[in-house]
Each structure stands twice: as structure tokens, then as C-alpha cells.
Amino acid sequence: GAGTSAVARGDYGVRLQAQGHDELAQLAQAFNHMATSLQAAQTAR
């Protein structure tokens, strides 16, 4: 939730620690991928 709030404020450099291989770890990895894509899109823009 803290990472999502940071992205909503425009801070695309935030990353989560993906611990393990469960659904929450997969969700953290998907969040990091989304943040990376948004950061790349912001830089490209």
C-alpha cells in the first residue's frame, strides 16, 4: 500500500522486496515491473 501511494504521487523509483514465491511475492514483482515501466515511460516522455 505504501508503494502504491508513492506511485500515485509520481514517485516511480519506489521498489518492493519480493520475498518468497507466493502470490504476494508475485504481486510485489508485478508492482516493481509496473513501477519500472512507468519510470521508463516518464523518462521517455
PDB file of all heavy atoms in Angstrom:
ATOM      1  N   GLY A   1       0.814  -1.213   0.000  1.00  0.00           N
ATOM      2  CA  GLY A   1       0.000   0.000   0.000  1.00  0.00           C
ATOM      3  C   GLY A   1       0.844   1.257   0.000  1.00  0.00           C
ATOM      4  O   GLY A   1       0.527   2.243  -0.684  1.00  0.00           O
ATOM      5  N   ALA A   2       1.951   1.238   0.774  1.00  0.00           N
ATOM      6  CA  ALA A   2       2.835   2.405   0.788  1.00  0.00           C
ATOM      7  C   ALA A   2       3.472   2.625  -0.585  1.00  0.00           C
ATOM      8  O   ALA A   2       3.604   3.768  -1.056  1.00  0.00           O
ATOM      9  CB  ALA A   2       3.906   2.225   1.860  1.00  0.00           C
ATOM     10  N   GLY A   3       3.876   1.533  -1.236  1.00  0.00           N
ATOM     11  CA  GLY A   3       4.444   1.667  -2.575  1.00  0.00           C
ATOM     12  C   GLY A   3       3.437   2.195  -3.585  1.00  0.00           C
ATOM     13  O   GLY A   3       3.766   3.034  -4.433  1.00  0.00           O
ATOM     14  N   THR A   4       2.187   1.719  -3.494  1.00  0.00           N
ATOM     15  CA  THR A   4       1.142   2.205  -4.401  1.00  0.00           C
ATOM     16  C   THR A   4       0.891   3.689  -4.196  1.00  0.00           C
ATOM     17  O   THR A   4       0.712   4.448  -5.159  1.00  0.00           O
ATOM     18  CB  THR A   4      -0.148   1.406  -4.176  1.00  0.00           C
ATOM     19  OG1 THR A   4       0.130   0.008  -4.334  1.00  0.00           O
ATOM     20  CG2 THR A   4      -1.207   1.804  -5.173  1.00  0.00           C
ATOM     21  N   SER A   5       0.880   4.123  -2.949  1.00  0.00           N
ATOM     22  CA  SER A   5       0.680   5.547  -2.676  1.00  0.00           C
ATOM     23  C   SER A   5       1.823   6.377  -3.238  1.00  0.00           C
ATOM     24  O   SER A   5       1.605   7.479  -3.774  1.00  0.00           O
ATOM     25  CB  SER A   5       0.559   5.768  -1.160  1.00  0.00           C
ATOM     26  OG  SER A   5      -0.544   5.046  -0.624  1.00  0.00           O
ATOM     27  N   ALA A   6       3.053   5.842  -3.139  1.00  0.00           N
ATOM     28  CA  ALA A   6       4.196   6.574  -3.684  1.00  0.00           C
ATOM     29  C   ALA A   6       4.088   6.713  -5.204  1.00  0.00           C
ATOM     30  O   ALA A   6       4.369   7.771  -5.775  1.00  0.00           O
ATOM     31  CB  ALA A   6       5.498   5.871  -3.301  1.00  0.00           C
ATOM     32  N   VAL A   7       3.669   5.626  -5.880  1.00  0.00           N
ATOM     33  CA  VAL A   7       3.492   5.699  -7.334  1.00  0.00           C
ATOM     34  C   VAL A   7       2.394   6.686  -7.693  1.00  0.00           C
ATOM     35  O   VAL A   7       2.490   7.434  -8.678  1.00  0.00           O
ATOM     36  CB  VAL A   7       3.184   4.296  -7.896  1.00  0.00           C
ATOM     37  CG1 VAL A   7       2.751   4.364  -9.357  1.00  0.00           C
ATOM     38  CG2 VAL A   7       4.407   3.397  -7.765  1.00  0.00           C
ATOM     39  N   ALA A   8       1.309   6.701  -6.895  1.00  0.00           N
ATOM     40  CA  ALA A   8       0.222   7.643  -7.166  1.00  0.00           C
ATOM     41  C   ALA A   8       0.682   9.093  -7.035  1.00  0.00           C
ATOM     42  O   ALA A   8       0.142   9.987  -7.695  1.00  0.00           O
ATOM     43  CB  ALA A   8      -0.947   7.372  -6.215  1.00  0.00           C
ATOM     44  N   ARG A   9       1.703   9.324  -6.186  1.00  0.00           N
ATOM     45  CA  ARG A   9       2.243  10.685  -6.043  1.00  0.00           C
ATOM     46  C   ARG A   9       3.260  11.012  -7.137  1.00  0.00           C
ATOM     47  O   ARG A   9       3.758  12.126  -7.185  1.00  0.00           O
ATOM     48  CB  ARG A   9       2.907  10.833  -4.675  1.00  0.00           C
ATOM     49  CG  ARG A   9       1.944  10.764  -3.508  1.00  0.00           C
ATOM     50  CD  ARG A   9       2.640  11.201  -2.213  1.00  0.00           C
ATOM     51  NE  ARG A   9       3.805  10.398  -1.935  1.00  0.00           N
ATOM     52  CZ  ARG A   9       3.792   9.300  -1.179  1.00  0.00           C
ATOM     53  NH1 ARG A   9       2.642   8.874  -0.654  1.00  0.00           N
ATOM     54  NH2 ARG A   9       4.897   8.627  -0.965  1.00  0.00           N
ATOM     55  N   GLY A  10       3.581  10.045  -7.993  1.00  0.00           N
ATOM     56  CA  GLY A  10       4.527  10.290  -9.075  1.00  0.00           C
ATOM     57  C   GLY A  10       5.931   9.823  -8.791  1.00  0.00           C
ATOM     58  O   GLY A  10       6.842  10.079  -9.585  1.00  0.00           O
ATOM     59  N   ASP A  11       6.146   9.130  -7.667  1.00  0.00           N
ATOM     60  CA  ASP A  11       7.460   8.596  -7.339  1.00  0.00           C
ATOM     61  C   ASP A  11       7.575   7.196  -7.931  1.00  0.00           C
ATOM     62  O   ASP A  11       7.192   6.208  -7.317  1.00  0.00           O
ATOM     63  CB  ASP A  11       7.637   8.559  -5.811  1.00  0.00           C
ATOM     64  CG  ASP A  11       9.025   8.056  -5.416  1.00  0.00           C
ATOM     65  OD1 ASP A  11       9.882   7.928  -6.315  1.00  0.00           O
ATOM     66  OD2 ASP A  11       9.236   7.795  -4.211  1.00  0.00           O
ATOM     67  N   TYR A  12       8.126   7.119  -9.148  1.00  0.00           N
ATOM     68  CA  TYR A  12       8.224   5.841  -9.845  1.00  0.00           C
ATOM     69  C   TYR A  12       9.510   5.080  -9.511  1.00  0.00           C
ATOM     70  O   TYR A  12       9.744   4.006 -10.055  1.00  0.00           O
ATOM     71  CB  TYR A  12       8.152   6.066 -11.354  1.00  0.00           C
ATOM     72  CG  TYR A  12       6.914   6.809 -11.784  1.00  0.00           C
ATOM     73  CD1 TYR A  12       6.997   7.861 -12.692  1.00  0.00           C
ATOM     74  CD2 TYR A  12       5.669   6.463 -11.278  1.00  0.00           C
ATOM     75  CE1 TYR A  12       5.856   8.550 -13.088  1.00  0.00           C
ATOM     76  CE2 TYR A  12       4.534   7.155 -11.664  1.00  0.00           C
ATOM     77  CZ  TYR A  12       4.638   8.198 -12.562  1.00  0.00           C
ATOM     78  OH  TYR A  12       3.512   8.876 -12.935  1.00  0.00           O
ATOM     79  N   GLY A  13      10.323   5.620  -8.627  1.00  0.00           N
ATOM     80  CA  GLY A  13      11.554   4.942  -8.246  1.00  0.00           C
ATOM     81  C   GLY A  13      11.383   3.980  -7.085  1.00  0.00           C
ATOM     82  O   GLY A  13      12.338   3.296  -6.713  1.00  0.00           O
ATOM     83  N   VAL A  14      10.183   3.898  -6.510  1.00  0.00           N
ATOM     84  CA  VAL A  14       9.963   3.011  -5.371  1.00  0.00           C
ATOM     85  C   VAL A  14       9.941   1.561  -5.839  1.00  0.00           C
ATOM     86  O   VAL A  14       9.437   1.247  -6.912  1.00  0.00           O
ATOM     87  CB  VAL A  14       8.631   3.381  -4.662  1.00  0.00           C
ATOM     88  CG1 VAL A  14       7.435   3.170  -5.585  1.00  0.00           C
ATOM     89  CG2 VAL A  14       8.453   2.580  -3.385  1.00  0.00           C
ATOM     90  N   ARG A  15      10.514   0.665  -5.021  1.00  0.00           N
ATOM     91  CA  ARG A  15      10.527  -0.766  -5.334  1.00  0.00           C
ATOM     92  C   ARG A  15      10.200  -1.546  -4.055  1.00  0.00           C
ATOM     93  O   ARG A  15      10.503  -1.108  -2.940  1.00  0.00           O
ATOM     94  CB  ARG A  15      11.899  -1.216  -5.858  1.00  0.00           C
ATOM     95  CG  ARG A  15      12.304  -0.566  -7.165  1.00  0.00           C
ATOM     96  CD  ARG A  15      11.429  -0.991  -8.318  1.00  0.00           C
ATOM     97  NE  ARG A  15      11.897  -0.425  -9.570  1.00  0.00           N
ATOM     98  CZ  ARG A  15      11.523   0.755 -10.043  1.00  0.00           C
ATOM     99  NH1 ARG A  15      10.672   1.507  -9.345  1.00  0.00           N
ATOM    100  NH2 ARG A  15      11.983   1.196 -11.190  1.00  0.00           N
ATOM    101  N   LEU A  16       9.569  -2.689  -4.234  1.00  0.00           N
ATOM    102  CA  LEU A  16       9.203  -3.553  -3.114  1.00  0.00           C
ATOM    103  C   LEU A  16      10.138  -4.756  -3.069  1.00  0.00           C
ATOM    104  O   LEU A  16      10.656  -5.192  -4.092  1.00  0.00           O
ATOM    105  CB  LEU A  16       7.753  -4.042  -3.255  1.00  0.00           C
ATOM    106  CG  LEU A  16       6.672  -2.963  -3.314  1.00  0.00           C
ATOM    107  CD1 LEU A  16       5.310  -3.619  -3.453  1.00  0.00           C
ATOM    108  CD2 LEU A  16       6.718  -2.086  -2.075  1.00  0.00           C
ATOM    109  N   GLN A  17      10.317  -5.299  -1.874  1.00  0.00           N
ATOM    110  CA  GLN A  17      11.118  -6.511  -1.705  1.00  0.00           C
ATOM    111  C   GLN A  17      10.217  -7.725  -1.931  1.00  0.00           C
ATOM    112  O   GLN A  17       9.295  -7.965  -1.157  1.00  0.00           O
ATOM    113  CB  GLN A  17      11.732  -6.566  -0.302  1.00  0.00           C
ATOM    114  CG  GLN A  17      12.780  -5.498  -0.044  1.00  0.00           C
ATOM    115  CD  GLN A  17      13.421  -5.633   1.332  1.00  0.00           C
ATOM    116  OE1 GLN A  17      13.024  -6.494   2.118  1.00  0.00           O
ATOM    117  NE2 GLN A  17      14.403  -4.792   1.606  1.00  0.00           N
ATOM    118  N   ALA A  18      10.503  -8.475  -2.988  1.00  0.00           N
ATOM    119  CA  ALA A  18       9.721  -9.672  -3.306  1.00  0.00           C
ATOM    120  C   ALA A  18      10.346 -10.863  -2.591  1.00  0.00           C
ATOM    121  O   ALA A  18      11.329 -11.444  -3.056  1.00  0.00           O
ATOM    122  CB  ALA A  18       9.674  -9.906  -4.816  1.00  0.00           C
ATOM    123  N   GLN A  19       9.776 -11.211  -1.431  1.00  0.00           N
ATOM    124  CA  GLN A  19      10.299 -12.310  -0.628  1.00  0.00           C
ATOM    125  C   GLN A  19       9.481 -13.569  -0.866  1.00  0.00           C
ATOM    126  O   GLN A  19       8.264 -13.558  -0.703  1.00  0.00           O
ATOM    127  CB  GLN A  19      10.266 -11.951   0.869  1.00  0.00           C
ATOM    128  CG  GLN A  19      11.072 -10.696   1.205  1.00  0.00           C
ATOM    129  CD  GLN A  19      10.942 -10.316   2.670  1.00  0.00           C
ATOM    130  OE1 GLN A  19      10.156 -10.906   3.399  1.00  0.00           O
ATOM    131  NE2 GLN A  19      11.715  -9.341   3.093  1.00  0.00           N
ATOM    132  N   GLY A  20      10.153 -14.646  -1.244  1.00  0.00           N
ATOM    133  CA  GLY A  20       9.475 -15.912  -1.453  1.00  0.00           C
ATOM    134  C   GLY A  20       8.936 -16.042  -2.864  1.00  0.00           C
ATOM    135  O   GLY A  20       9.296 -15.271  -3.789  1.00  0.00           O
ATOM    136  N   HIS A  21       8.013 -17.003  -3.025  1.00  0.00           N
ATOM    137  CA  HIS A  21       7.436 -17.274  -4.335  1.00  0.00           C
ATOM    138  C   HIS A  21       5.915 -17.370  -4.275  1.00  0.00           C
ATOM    139  O   HIS A  21       5.315 -17.908  -5.200  1.00  0.00           O
ATOM    140  CB  HIS A  21       8.005 -18.596  -4.889  1.00  0.00           C
ATOM    141  CG  HIS A  21       9.509 -18.620  -4.977  1.00  0.00           C
ATOM    142  ND1 HIS A  21      10.207 -18.009  -5.994  1.00  0.00           N
ATOM    143  CD2 HIS A  21      10.443 -19.160  -4.152  1.00  0.00           C
ATOM    144  CE1 HIS A  21      11.508 -18.190  -5.805  1.00  0.00           C
ATOM    145  NE2 HIS A  21      11.675 -18.887  -4.687  1.00  0.00           N
ATOM    146  N   ASP A  22       5.312 -16.857  -3.210  1.00  0.00           N
ATOM    147  CA  ASP A  22       3.865 -16.943  -3.090  1.00  0.00           C
ATOM    148  C   ASP A  22       3.203 -15.833  -3.884  1.00  0.00           C
ATOM    149  O   ASP A  22       3.858 -15.071  -4.618  1.00  0.00           O
ATOM    150  CB  ASP A  22       3.442 -16.896  -1.623  1.00  0.00           C
ATOM    151  CG  ASP A  22       3.971 -15.646  -0.914  1.00  0.00           C
ATOM    152  OD1 ASP A  22       4.534 -14.771  -1.609  1.00  0.00           O
ATOM    153  OD2 ASP A  22       3.822 -15.541   0.320  1.00  0.00           O
ATOM    154  N   GLU A  23       1.861 -15.744  -3.750  1.00  0.00           N
ATOM    155  CA  GLU A  23       1.106 -14.765  -4.530  1.00  0.00           C
ATOM    156  C   GLU A  23       1.496 -13.333  -4.178  1.00  0.00           C
ATOM    157  O   GLU A  23       1.522 -12.460  -5.052  1.00  0.00           O
ATOM    158  CB  GLU A  23      -0.399 -14.964  -4.312  1.00  0.00           C
ATOM    159  CG  GLU A  23      -0.980 -16.194  -4.989  1.00  0.00           C
ATOM    160  CD  GLU A  23      -0.666 -17.480  -4.249  1.00  0.00           C
ATOM    161  OE1 GLU A  23      -0.020 -17.418  -3.177  1.00  0.00           O
ATOM    162  OE2 GLU A  23      -1.067 -18.558  -4.727  1.00  0.00           O
ATOM    163  N   LEU A  24       1.781 -13.073  -2.893  1.00  0.00           N
ATOM    164  CA  LEU A  24       2.184 -11.723  -2.505  1.00  0.00           C
ATOM    165  C   LEU A  24       3.551 -11.368  -3.103  1.00  0.00           C
ATOM    166  O   LEU A  24       3.771 -10.212  -3.500  1.00  0.00           O
ATOM    167  CB  LEU A  24       2.225 -11.615  -0.986  1.00  0.00           C
ATOM    168  CG  LEU A  24       0.864 -11.632  -0.276  1.00  0.00           C
ATOM    169  CD1 LEU A  24       1.051 -11.574   1.231  1.00  0.00           C
ATOM    170  CD2 LEU A  24      -0.003 -10.479  -0.753  1.00  0.00           C
ATOM    171  N   ALA A  25       4.457 -12.343  -3.177  1.00  0.00           N
ATOM    172  CA  ALA A  25       5.745 -12.083  -3.820  1.00  0.00           C
ATOM    173  C   ALA A  25       5.562 -11.813  -5.313  1.00  0.00           C
ATOM    174  O   ALA A  25       6.211 -10.917  -5.882  1.00  0.00           O
ATOM    175  CB  ALA A  25       6.686 -13.270  -3.598  1.00  0.00           C
ATOM    176  N   GLN A  26       4.680 -12.573  -5.958  1.00  0.00           N
ATOM    177  CA  GLN A  26       4.390 -12.320  -7.364  1.00  0.00           C
ATOM    178  C   GLN A  26       3.750 -10.950  -7.558  1.00  0.00           C
ATOM    179  O   GLN A  26       4.039 -10.250  -8.538  1.00  0.00           O
ATOM    180  CB  GLN A  26       3.489 -13.421  -7.905  1.00  0.00           C
ATOM    181  CG  GLN A  26       4.130 -14.805  -7.903  1.00  0.00           C
ATOM    182  CD  GLN A  26       3.172 -15.891  -8.334  1.00  0.00           C
ATOM    183  OE1 GLN A  26       2.036 -15.619  -8.726  1.00  0.00           O
ATOM    184  NE2 GLN A  26       3.609 -17.145  -8.240  1.00  0.00           N
ATOM    185  N   LEU A  27       2.880 -10.570  -6.622  1.00  0.00           N
ATOM    186  CA  LEU A  27       2.274  -9.239  -6.702  1.00  0.00           C
ATOM    187  C   LEU A  27       3.324  -8.148  -6.547  1.00  0.00           C
ATOM    188  O   LEU A  27       3.282  -7.128  -7.248  1.00  0.00           O
ATOM    189  CB  LEU A  27       1.198  -9.111  -5.622  1.00  0.00           C
ATOM    190  CG  LEU A  27       0.422  -7.788  -5.586  1.00  0.00           C
ATOM    191  CD1 LEU A  27      -0.306  -7.564  -6.902  1.00  0.00           C
ATOM    192  CD2 LEU A  27      -0.569  -7.788  -4.426  1.00  0.00           C
ATOM    193  N   ALA A  28       4.292  -8.351  -5.641  1.00  0.00           N
ATOM    194  CA  ALA A  28       5.373  -7.379  -5.476  1.00  0.00           C
ATOM    195  C   ALA A  28       6.225  -7.285  -6.740  1.00  0.00           C
ATOM    196  O   ALA A  28       6.628  -6.185  -7.156  1.00  0.00           O
ATOM    197  CB  ALA A  28       6.236  -7.760  -4.277  1.00  0.00           C
ATOM    198  N   GLN A  29       6.504  -8.433  -7.367  1.00  0.00           N
ATOM    199  CA  GLN A  29       7.270  -8.401  -8.612  1.00  0.00           C
ATOM    200  C   GLN A  29       6.513  -7.685  -9.719  1.00  0.00           C
ATOM    201  O   GLN A  29       7.096  -6.905 -10.490  1.00  0.00           O
ATOM    202  CB  GLN A  29       7.601  -9.832  -9.032  1.00  0.00           C
ATOM    203  CG  GLN A  29       8.563 -10.552  -8.094  1.00  0.00           C
ATOM    204  CD  GLN A  29       8.760 -12.005  -8.472  1.00  0.00           C
ATOM    205  OE1 GLN A  29       8.146 -12.505  -9.420  1.00  0.00           O
ATOM    206  NE2 GLN A  29       9.619 -12.713  -7.748  1.00  0.00           N
ATOM    207  N   ALA A  30       5.198  -7.931  -9.808  1.00  0.00           N
ATOM    208  CA  ALA A  30       4.387  -7.225 -10.806  1.00  0.00           C
ATOM    209  C   ALA A  30       4.370  -5.728 -10.529  1.00  0.00           C
ATOM    210  O   ALA A  30       4.410  -4.904 -11.459  1.00  0.00           O
ATOM    211  CB  ALA A  30       2.965  -7.793 -10.809  1.00  0.00           C
ATOM    212  N   PHE A  31       4.308  -5.365  -9.237  1.00  0.00           N
ATOM    213  CA  PHE A  31       4.348  -3.936  -8.889  1.00  0.00           C
ATOM    214  C   PHE A  31       5.674  -3.318  -9.314  1.00  0.00           C
ATOM    215  O   PHE A  31       5.706  -2.210  -9.871  1.00  0.00           O
ATOM    216  CB  PHE A  31       4.132  -3.779  -7.387  1.00  0.00           C
ATOM    217  CG  PHE A  31       4.253  -2.359  -6.903  1.00  0.00           C
ATOM    218  CD1 PHE A  31       3.157  -1.514  -6.912  1.00  0.00           C
ATOM    219  CD2 PHE A  31       5.468  -1.868  -6.451  1.00  0.00           C
ATOM    220  CE1 PHE A  31       3.275  -0.205  -6.481  1.00  0.00           C
ATOM    221  CE2 PHE A  31       5.592  -0.559  -6.014  1.00  0.00           C
ATOM    222  CZ  PHE A  31       4.492   0.271  -6.026  1.00  0.00           C
ATOM    223  N   ASN A  32       6.788  -4.005  -9.038  1.00  0.00           N
ATOM    224  CA  ASN A  32       8.092  -3.478  -9.433  1.00  0.00           C
ATOM    225  C   ASN A  32       8.204  -3.332 -10.942  1.00  0.00           C
ATOM    226  O   ASN A  32       8.764  -2.348 -11.448  1.00  0.00           O
ATOM    227  CB  ASN A  32       9.205  -4.399  -8.921  1.00  0.00           C
ATOM    228  CG  ASN A  32       9.301  -4.392  -7.400  1.00  0.00           C
ATOM    229  OD1 ASN A  32       8.870  -3.441  -6.746  1.00  0.00           O
ATOM    230  ND2 ASN A  32       9.862  -5.443  -6.834  1.00  0.00           N
ATOM    231  N   HIS A  33       7.654  -4.311 -11.666  1.00  0.00           N
ATOM    232  CA  HIS A  33       7.668  -4.204 -13.134  1.00  0.00           C
ATOM    233  C   HIS A  33       6.847  -3.014 -13.591  1.00  0.00           C
ATOM    234  O   HIS A  33       7.250  -2.280 -14.517  1.00  0.00           O
ATOM    235  CB  HIS A  33       7.124  -5.501 -13.732  1.00  0.00           C
ATOM    236  CG  HIS A  33       7.101  -5.506 -15.228  1.00  0.00           C
ATOM    237  ND1 HIS A  33       8.244  -5.587 -15.999  1.00  0.00           N
ATOM    238  CD2 HIS A  33       6.061  -5.415 -16.110  1.00  0.00           C
ATOM    239  CE1 HIS A  33       7.923  -5.547 -17.289  1.00  0.00           C
ATOM    240  NE2 HIS A  33       6.603  -5.451 -17.367  1.00  0.00           N
ATOM    241  N   MET A  34       5.681  -2.812 -12.966  1.00  0.00           N
ATOM    242  CA  MET A  34       4.857  -1.660 -13.326  1.00  0.00           C
ATOM    243  C   MET A  34       5.576  -0.353 -13.027  1.00  0.00           C
ATOM    244  O   MET A  34       5.573   0.586 -13.845  1.00  0.00           O
ATOM    245  CB  MET A  34       3.548  -1.726 -12.547  1.00  0.00           C
ATOM    246  CG  MET A  34       2.611  -0.550 -12.801  1.00  0.00           C
ATOM    247  SD  MET A  34       1.276  -0.431 -11.584  1.00  0.00           S
ATOM    248  CE  MET A  34       2.212   0.010 -10.119  1.00  0.00           C
ATOM    249  N   ALA A  35       6.223  -0.276 -11.840  1.00  0.00           N
ATOM    250  CA  ALA A  35       6.939   0.953 -11.491  1.00  0.00           C
ATOM    251  C   ALA A  35       8.097   1.207 -12.456  1.00  0.00           C
ATOM    252  O   ALA A  35       8.350   2.352 -12.847  1.00  0.00           O
ATOM    253  CB  ALA A  35       7.448   0.855 -10.056  1.00  0.00           C
ATOM    254  N   THR A  36       8.788   0.141 -12.858  1.00  0.00           N
ATOM    255  CA  THR A  36       9.879   0.298 -13.822  1.00  0.00           C
ATOM    256  C   THR A  36       9.361   0.803 -15.168  1.00  0.00           C
ATOM    257  O   THR A  36       9.958   1.689 -15.787  1.00  0.00           O
ATOM    258  CB  THR A  36      10.612  -1.045 -14.010  1.00  0.00           C
ATOM    259  OG1 THR A  36      11.113  -1.484 -12.748  1.00  0.00           O
ATOM    260  CG2 THR A  36      11.756  -0.902 -14.991  1.00  0.00           C
ATOM    261  N   SER A  37       8.232   0.242 -15.612  1.00  0.00           N
ATOM    262  CA  SER A  37       7.649   0.679 -16.884  1.00  0.00           C
ATOM    263  C   SER A  37       7.202   2.142 -16.807  1.00  0.00           C
ATOM    264  O   SER A  37       7.421   2.921 -17.745  1.00  0.00           O
ATOM    265  CB  SER A  37       6.468  -0.220 -17.254  1.00  0.00           C
ATOM    266  OG  SER A  37       6.883  -1.570 -17.396  1.00  0.00           O
ATOM    267  N   LEU A  38       6.586   2.498 -15.691  1.00  0.00           N
ATOM    268  CA  LEU A  38       6.153   3.895 -15.540  1.00  0.00           C
ATOM    269  C   LEU A  38       7.349   4.845 -15.483  1.00  0.00           C
ATOM    270  O   LEU A  38       7.302   5.939 -16.055  1.00  0.00           O
ATOM    271  CB  LEU A  38       5.304   4.033 -14.273  1.00  0.00           C
ATOM    272  CG  LEU A  38       3.923   3.369 -14.309  1.00  0.00           C
ATOM    273  CD1 LEU A  38       3.250   3.473 -12.952  1.00  0.00           C
ATOM    274  CD2 LEU A  38       3.043   4.003 -15.391  1.00  0.00           C
ATOM    275  N   GLN A  39       8.403   4.419 -14.803  1.00  0.00           N
ATOM    276  CA  GLN A  39       9.594   5.263 -14.739  1.00  0.00           C
ATOM    277  C   GLN A  39      10.225   5.418 -16.123  1.00  0.00           C
ATOM    278  O   GLN A  39      10.656   6.527 -16.500  1.00  0.00           O
ATOM    279  CB  GLN A  39      10.593   4.662 -13.754  1.00  0.00           C
ATOM    280  CG  GLN A  39      11.788   5.563 -13.454  1.00  0.00           C
ATOM    281  CD  GLN A  39      12.692   4.962 -12.399  1.00  0.00           C
ATOM    282  OE1 GLN A  39      12.760   3.743 -12.250  1.00  0.00           O
ATOM    283  NE2 GLN A  39      13.381   5.810 -11.647  1.00  0.00           N
ATOM    284  N   ALA A  40      10.271   4.311 -16.869  1.00  0.00           N
ATOM    285  CA  ALA A  40      10.821   4.395 -18.228  1.00  0.00           C
ATOM    286  C   ALA A  40       9.950   5.273 -19.110  1.00  0.00           C
ATOM    287  O   ALA A  40      10.461   6.056 -19.930  1.00  0.00           O
ATOM    288  CB  ALA A  40      10.943   2.995 -18.817  1.00  0.00           C
ATOM    289  N   ALA A  41       8.617   5.145 -18.953  1.00  0.00           N
ATOM    290  CA  ALA A  41       7.716   5.978 -19.755  1.00  0.00           C
ATOM    291  C   ALA A  41       7.875   7.450 -19.399  1.00  0.00           C
ATOM    292  O   ALA A  41       7.844   8.327 -20.284  1.00  0.00           O
ATOM    293  CB  ALA A  41       6.269   5.534 -19.540  1.00  0.00           C
ATOM    294  N   GLN A  42       8.042   7.734 -18.100  1.00  0.00           N
ATOM    295  CA  GLN A  42       8.242   9.128 -17.693  1.00  0.00           C
ATOM    296  C   GLN A  42       9.549   9.678 -18.256  1.00  0.00           C
ATOM    297  O   GLN A  42       9.597  10.818 -18.766  1.00  0.00           O
ATOM    298  CB  GLN A  42       8.235   9.217 -16.166  1.00  0.00           C
ATOM    299  CG  GLN A  42       8.354  10.644 -15.647  1.00  0.00           C
ATOM    300  CD  GLN A  42       8.483  10.680 -14.137  1.00  0.00           C
ATOM    301  OE1 GLN A  42       9.208   9.868 -13.564  1.00  0.00           O
ATOM    302  NE2 GLN A  42       7.783  11.594 -13.492  1.00  0.00           N
ATOM    303  N   THR A  43      10.610   8.870 -18.172  1.00  0.00           N
ATOM    304  CA  THR A  43      11.893   9.316 -18.721  1.00  0.00           C
ATOM    305  C   THR A  43      11.811   9.533 -20.230  1.00  0.00           C
ATOM    306  O   THR A  43      12.324  10.526 -20.762  1.00  0.00           O
ATOM    307  CB  THR A  43      12.979   8.286 -18.396  1.00  0.00           C
ATOM    308  OG1 THR A  43      13.061   8.098 -16.980  1.00  0.00           O
ATOM    309  CG2 THR A  43      14.326   8.740 -18.910  1.00  0.00           C
ATOM    310  N   ALA A  44      11.127   8.591 -20.927  1.00  0.00           N
ATOM    311  CA  ALA A  44      10.990   8.732 -22.381  1.00  0.00           C
ATOM    312  C   ALA A  44      10.161   9.956 -22.738  1.00  0.00           C
ATOM    313  O   ALA A  44      10.461  10.664 -23.712  1.00  0.00           O
ATOM    314  CB  ALA A  44      10.343   7.469 -22.957  1.00  0.00           C
ATOM    315  N   ARG A  45       9.127  10.215 -21.938  1.00  0.00           N
ATOM    316  CA  ARG A  45       8.295  11.390 -22.221  1.00  0.00           C
ATOM    317  C   ARG A  45       9.086  12.680 -22.027  1.00  0.00           C
ATOM    318  O   ARG A  45       8.994  13.613 -22.839  1.00  0.00           O
ATOM    319  CB  ARG A  45       7.067  11.369 -21.308  1.00  0.00           C
ATOM    320  CG  ARG A  45       6.102  12.517 -21.564  1.00  0.00           C
ATOM    321  CD  ARG A  45       4.827  12.377 -20.762  1.00  0.00           C
ATOM    322  NE  ARG A  45       5.081  12.451 -19.320  1.00  0.00           N
ATOM    323  CZ  ARG A  45       4.987  11.424 -18.506  1.00  0.00           C
ATOM    324  NH1 ARG A  45       4.676  10.220 -18.970  1.00  0.00           N
ATOM    325  NH2 ARG A  45       5.205  11.566 -17.205  1.00  0.00           N
TER     326      ARG A  45
END
